[in-house]
Amino acid sequence: MANPYLPRTLVHLWSDAIGEDPPAHQATLQRLLREQRRLTRFVEENAESMHQTTAGVAVYFVGVVARMFDLAGGRLRGATWEQVRAAEARIQAAVPDLLPLDQGFADRLRKVSWRAQPHVLDEALMALLERKRGENEADVPKDESLKIFFLVWLGVEVLDLNWLPSASFQGETTYEFHPIDLPESEAEAATDV
């Protein structure tokens, strides 16, 4: 049986908390990425083709996803190469049906029923492709953000396979899209996908 979904409100709260105070989570993110060395190495190798300023963003985002599983409690085993390659093949097979990156991209993505942790992917989609960047954030080109998103998706798939939630975890068993209200200026920028 697939894992229950991390609730959308928790995913957003955790994402905001990590983004607002990265130093408070840095040691844990580094530990989690070390424990997921195969996944981390795959993301690093694939990020080599990106612009130098954005290559580290993919690893950071995968670390944030690992931190969300960590915050949810339970146990997170290390990924295998077989799991990484299987997730890569599955996502690559879905990509032609998702592209182009236009206003319908998010809707097409949300129709992929086999996605693990869809609320985490909704948050990554919002952070990477829909939200306007703050003045202290790098302005990542859309094609680079899309590459990062696909690597994060792979990370979500692999991490979910290796996550054993605690017995007390109360997740969701069905998915329904829950938009997070963006400030007006960011919502306008999201329509420019």
Protein backbone atom coordinates (compact mmCIF):
# COMPACT_ATOMS: atom_id res chain seq x y z
CA MET A 1 0.00 0.00 0.00
CA ALA A 2 1.22 3.52 -0.81
CA ASN A 3 2.04 5.87 2.02
CA PRO A 4 -0.59 8.33 3.19
CA TYR A 5 -0.08 11.84 1.87
CA LEU A 6 1.52 14.58 3.90
CA PRO A 7 -1.29 17.15 4.40
CA ARG A 8 -1.10 20.24 2.18
CA THR A 9 -1.23 22.72 5.06
CA LEU A 10 1.66 21.00 6.86
CA VAL A 11 3.73 20.81 3.68
CA HIS A 12 3.28 24.54 3.13
CA LEU A 13 4.01 25.41 6.77
CA TRP A 14 7.18 23.29 6.77
CA SER A 15 8.31 24.71 3.44
CA ASP A 16 7.82 28.27 4.68
CA ALA A 17 9.59 27.55 7.98
CA ILE A 18 12.60 26.04 6.22
CA GLY A 19 12.70 28.90 3.70
CA GLU A 20 12.41 31.60 6.35
CA ASP A 21 15.19 30.23 8.56
CA PRO A 22 17.56 28.04 6.49
CA PRO A 23 20.37 28.06 9.10
CA ALA A 24 18.06 26.39 11.64
CA HIS A 25 17.60 23.44 9.25
CA GLN A 26 21.01 23.38 7.55
CA ALA A 27 22.64 20.69 9.70
CA THR A 28 19.61 18.42 9.40
CA LEU A 29 19.38 18.97 5.62
CA GLN A 30 23.05 18.07 5.24
CA ARG A 31 22.63 14.93 7.37
CA LEU A 32 19.57 13.82 5.41
CA LEU A 33 21.33 14.40 2.08
CA ARG A 34 24.35 12.39 3.29
CA GLU A 35 22.02 9.55 4.32
CA GLN A 36 20.46 9.65 0.83
CA ARG A 37 23.82 9.59 -0.94
CA ARG A 38 22.67 7.71 -4.06
CA LEU A 39 19.75 10.06 -4.59
CA THR A 40 21.91 13.09 -3.85
CA ARG A 41 24.60 11.91 -6.28
CA PHE A 42 22.00 11.38 -9.03
CA VAL A 43 20.60 14.90 -8.51
CA GLU A 44 24.10 16.43 -8.44
CA GLU A 45 25.11 14.64 -11.65
CA ASN A 46 21.94 15.77 -13.44
CA ALA A 47 22.29 19.31 -12.13
CA GLU A 48 25.74 19.59 -13.75
CA SER A 49 24.05 20.51 -17.03
CA MET A 50 22.35 23.53 -15.41
CA HIS A 51 23.64 27.04 -14.97
CA GLN A 52 26.28 27.17 -12.27
CA THR A 53 24.19 29.50 -10.10
CA THR A 54 21.16 27.19 -10.10
CA ALA A 55 22.77 23.74 -9.98
CA GLY A 56 22.79 23.63 -6.17
CA VAL A 57 19.12 24.58 -5.97
CA ALA A 58 18.02 21.08 -7.02
CA VAL A 59 19.99 19.39 -4.25
CA TYR A 60 18.69 21.93 -1.73
CA PHE A 61 15.07 21.28 -2.78
CA VAL A 62 15.54 17.51 -2.48
CA GLY A 63 16.99 18.15 0.98
CA VAL A 64 13.88 20.18 1.87
CA VAL A 65 11.68 17.28 0.74
CA ALA A 66 13.72 14.85 2.86
CA ARG A 67 13.31 17.25 5.78
CA MET A 68 9.52 17.16 5.33
CA PHE A 69 9.54 13.38 5.64
CA ASP A 70 11.81 13.77 8.67
CA LEU A 71 9.42 16.26 10.27
CA ALA A 72 6.47 13.93 9.62
CA GLY A 73 8.20 11.30 11.75
CA GLY A 74 8.93 7.68 11.15
CA ARG A 75 11.92 6.13 9.45
CA LEU A 76 13.61 7.10 6.19
CA ARG A 77 15.81 4.38 4.68
CA GLY A 78 18.56 5.10 2.18
CA ALA A 79 17.59 4.91 -1.49
CA THR A 80 18.92 2.24 -3.82
CA TRP A 81 20.20 2.83 -7.36
CA GLU A 82 17.39 0.60 -8.62
CA GLN A 83 14.80 2.88 -7.02
CA VAL A 84 16.42 5.99 -8.46
CA ARG A 85 16.60 4.52 -11.98
CA ALA A 86 13.02 3.21 -11.82
CA ALA A 87 11.71 6.63 -10.73
CA GLU A 88 13.74 8.30 -13.49
CA ALA A 89 12.25 5.99 -16.14
CA ARG A 90 8.71 6.47 -14.88
CA ILE A 91 8.96 10.26 -14.83
CA GLN A 92 10.69 10.39 -18.22
CA ALA A 93 7.81 8.35 -19.66
CA ALA A 94 5.31 10.90 -18.29
CA VAL A 95 7.14 14.03 -19.50
CA PRO A 96 5.89 14.03 -23.13
CA ASP A 97 2.28 14.14 -21.90
CA LEU A 98 3.06 17.03 -19.52
CA LEU A 99 4.90 19.40 -21.83
CA PRO A 100 4.90 22.14 -22.97
CA LEU A 101 5.41 24.34 -19.94
CA ASP A 102 2.33 26.47 -20.39
CA GLN A 103 -0.75 27.39 -18.35
CA GLY A 104 -2.07 23.82 -18.61
CA PHE A 105 1.14 22.21 -17.29
CA ALA A 106 0.04 22.13 -13.64
CA ASP A 107 -3.37 20.67 -14.49
CA ARG A 108 -1.78 17.95 -16.62
CA LEU A 109 0.67 17.17 -13.82
CA ARG A 110 -2.12 16.89 -11.24
CA LYS A 111 -3.82 14.25 -13.40
CA VAL A 112 -0.85 11.88 -13.03
CA SER A 113 -2.51 9.54 -10.56
CA TRP A 114 0.56 7.56 -9.52
CA ARG A 115 2.50 10.53 -8.11
CA ALA A 116 3.76 10.00 -4.58
CA GLN A 117 3.03 12.81 -2.14
CA PRO A 118 1.13 15.10 -4.54
CA HIS A 119 0.90 17.92 -1.97
CA VAL A 120 4.69 18.05 -1.80
CA LEU A 121 4.77 18.26 -5.59
CA ASP A 122 2.15 21.04 -5.51
CA GLU A 123 4.40 22.97 -3.13
CA ALA A 124 7.46 22.40 -5.34
CA LEU A 125 5.48 23.46 -8.40
CA MET A 126 4.37 26.63 -6.65
CA ALA A 127 7.88 27.42 -5.37
CA LEU A 128 9.70 26.71 -8.61
CA LEU A 129 7.30 27.66 -11.38
CA GLU A 130 4.39 29.72 -10.07
CA ARG A 131 5.73 32.03 -7.39
CA LYS A 132 7.46 35.31 -8.13
CA ARG A 133 11.01 35.44 -6.76
CA GLY A 134 11.84 37.70 -3.83
CA GLU A 135 14.52 40.34 -4.21
CA ASN A 136 17.10 38.19 -2.35
CA GLU A 137 16.34 35.10 -4.46
CA ALA A 138 18.05 34.18 -7.70
CA ASP A 139 15.89 34.63 -10.77
CA VAL A 140 16.02 31.10 -12.14
CA PRO A 141 15.05 30.76 -15.83
CA LYS A 142 11.84 28.76 -16.39
CA ASP A 143 13.65 25.95 -18.25
CA GLU A 144 16.06 25.58 -15.34
CA SER A 145 13.19 25.64 -12.84
CA LEU A 146 11.46 22.91 -14.82
CA LYS A 147 14.60 20.73 -14.71
CA ILE A 148 14.81 21.29 -10.96
CA PHE A 149 11.14 20.41 -10.60
CA PHE A 150 11.61 17.07 -12.40
CA LEU A 151 14.58 16.25 -10.15
CA VAL A 152 12.52 17.15 -7.07
CA TRP A 153 9.71 14.92 -8.36
CA LEU A 154 12.18 12.07 -8.68
CA GLY A 155 13.33 12.78 -5.13
CA VAL A 156 9.76 12.69 -3.84
CA GLU A 157 9.12 9.33 -5.54
CA VAL A 158 12.29 7.76 -4.18
CA LEU A 159 11.99 9.20 -0.68
CA ASP A 160 8.37 8.12 -0.38
CA LEU A 161 9.38 4.55 -1.28
CA ASN A 162 11.85 4.62 1.60
CA TRP A 163 9.68 6.34 4.19
CA LEU A 164 7.98 4.30 6.87
CA PRO A 165 5.61 6.67 8.69
CA SER A 166 5.24 6.41 12.44
CA ALA A 167 2.15 4.57 13.67
CA SER A 168 0.72 7.88 14.90
CA PHE A 169 1.02 9.65 11.53
CA GLN A 170 -2.35 10.92 10.30
CA GLY A 171 -2.04 11.54 6.59
CA GLU A 172 -4.53 11.76 3.76
CA THR A 173 -5.47 8.80 1.58
CA THR A 174 -7.02 10.73 -1.31
CA TYR A 175 -5.72 13.70 -3.24
CA GLU A 176 -7.56 16.89 -3.92
CA PHE A 177 -5.74 20.00 -5.07
CA HIS A 178 -5.65 22.69 -2.37
CA PRO A 179 -4.29 25.97 -3.72
CA ILE A 180 -2.28 28.14 -1.41
CA ASP A 181 -3.19 31.78 -1.82
CA LEU A 182 -0.33 33.70 -3.33
CA PRO A 183 -0.06 37.45 -2.89
CA GLU A 184 -1.62 39.26 -5.86
CA SER A 185 1.73 40.15 -7.46
CA GLU A 186 2.84 36.50 -7.32
CA ALA A 187 -0.49 35.23 -8.64
CA GLU A 188 -0.13 37.54 -11.65
CA ALA A 189 3.38 36.21 -12.27
CA ALA A 190 2.06 32.63 -12.17
CA THR A 191 -0.16 33.30 -15.16
CA ASP A 192 2.96 34.09 -17.18
CA VAL A 193 4.13 30.44 -17.21
